[in-house]
Amino acid sequence: MGNKSLSQLTKDYAAGKINQRDYREKRAKLIQEIFAGNATLEKNKYSPPRASRKRLKNKKKLINLQNKRPLFIAIGVLSAITIILILSIFTLR
């Protein structure tokens, strides 16, 4: 067999170098050879995709804003309560 990897077969089929019937026949033969132990498999050279730094910075900014909102709300509520308490103390005297 000319193509010894399934990924190469799929690339050839996607590029239109081989038709569907040939692709299926070669794929079946390759899978049979792999199960029989006649075909040697290469280690997969997969590298995970990298996230761009710009996106990470934007995510950090969003996370920081989301984390600060409850703090601002809590400070605002506590300020309102203290103002109400101070005013109530002055009006009761």
Protein backbone atom coordinates (compact mmCIF):
# COMPACT_ATOMS: atom_id res chain seq x y z
CA MET A 1 0.00 0.00 0.00
CA GLY A 2 1.31 3.45 -0.90
CA ASN A 3 -0.28 5.35 1.97
CA LYS A 4 0.64 3.90 5.34
CA SER A 5 -1.36 6.29 7.53
CA LEU A 6 -5.04 6.87 7.90
CA SER A 7 -4.51 10.61 8.14
CA GLN A 8 -2.73 10.61 4.78
CA LEU A 9 -5.59 8.63 3.24
CA THR A 10 -8.14 11.12 4.56
CA LYS A 11 -6.06 14.03 3.30
CA ASP A 12 -5.84 12.46 -0.15
CA TYR A 13 -9.59 11.83 -0.20
CA ALA A 14 -10.35 15.39 0.95
CA ALA A 15 -8.02 16.80 -1.71
CA GLY A 16 -9.75 14.73 -4.38
CA LYS A 17 -6.71 12.62 -5.23
CA ILE A 18 -8.67 9.40 -4.67
CA ASN A 19 -12.38 8.71 -5.02
CA GLN A 20 -14.68 7.45 -2.28
CA ARG A 21 -14.60 3.82 -3.32
CA ASP A 22 -10.78 3.70 -3.43
CA TYR A 23 -10.60 5.53 -0.12
CA ARG A 24 -12.89 3.01 1.57
CA GLU A 25 -11.01 0.04 0.09
CA LYS A 26 -7.60 1.38 1.11
CA ARG A 27 -8.91 2.31 4.56
CA ALA A 28 -10.31 -1.20 5.07
CA LYS A 29 -7.02 -2.78 3.96
CA LEU A 30 -5.03 -0.48 6.23
CA ILE A 31 -7.22 -1.26 9.24
CA GLN A 32 -6.90 -5.00 8.55
CA GLU A 33 -3.10 -4.68 8.30
CA ILE A 34 -3.00 -2.76 11.57
CA PHE A 35 -5.05 -5.42 13.40
CA ALA A 36 -2.94 -8.18 11.87
CA GLY A 37 0.22 -6.41 13.03
CA ASN A 38 1.66 -6.07 9.52
CA ALA A 39 1.54 -2.27 9.42
CA THR A 40 3.79 -0.11 11.56
CA LEU A 41 2.17 2.92 13.09
CA GLU A 42 3.95 6.22 13.51
CA LYS A 43 3.61 8.20 16.69
CA ASN A 44 1.04 10.96 16.39
CA LYS A 45 2.68 14.38 16.08
CA TYR A 46 -0.19 16.28 17.65
CA SER A 47 0.42 19.66 19.19
CA PRO A 48 -2.46 21.35 21.00
CA PRO A 49 -3.59 24.71 19.65
CA ARG A 50 -2.19 27.78 21.33
CA ALA A 51 -4.41 30.53 22.62
CA SER A 52 -3.41 33.99 21.54
CA ARG A 53 -2.16 36.34 24.24
CA LYS A 54 -4.66 39.02 23.27
CA ARG A 55 -7.58 36.75 24.09
CA LEU A 56 -6.04 35.76 27.41
CA LYS A 57 -5.63 39.42 28.40
CA ASN A 58 -9.25 40.13 27.53
CA LYS A 59 -10.39 37.15 29.58
CA LYS A 60 -8.33 38.32 32.55
CA LYS A 61 -9.91 41.76 32.34
CA LEU A 62 -13.41 40.29 32.22
CA ILE A 63 -12.70 37.98 35.13
CA ASN A 64 -11.32 40.86 37.20
CA LEU A 65 -14.37 43.02 36.46
CA GLN A 66 -16.69 40.20 37.37
CA ASN A 67 -14.85 39.59 40.62
CA LYS A 68 -14.93 43.29 41.59
CA ARG A 69 -18.64 43.83 40.98
CA PRO A 70 -19.83 41.95 44.07
CA LEU A 71 -17.26 43.85 46.13
CA PHE A 72 -18.56 47.21 44.86
CA ILE A 73 -22.14 46.13 45.53
CA ALA A 74 -21.26 45.02 49.07
CA ILE A 75 -19.45 48.31 49.78
CA GLY A 76 -22.40 50.27 48.41
CA VAL A 77 -24.92 48.36 50.52
CA LEU A 78 -22.80 48.71 53.67
CA SER A 79 -22.37 52.44 53.00
CA ALA A 80 -26.12 52.86 52.59
CA ILE A 81 -26.79 50.97 55.84
CA THR A 82 -24.27 53.08 57.78
CA ILE A 83 -25.73 56.30 56.43
CA ILE A 84 -29.24 55.15 57.40
CA LEU A 85 -28.04 54.19 60.89
CA ILE A 86 -26.23 57.50 61.41
CA LEU A 87 -29.27 59.48 60.24
CA SER A 88 -31.58 57.44 62.45
CA ILE A 89 -29.34 58.07 65.48
CA PHE A 90 -29.35 61.85 64.84
CA THR A 91 -33.13 61.96 64.32
CA LEU A 92 -33.85 60.03 67.53
CA ARG A 93 -31.93 62.50 69.70
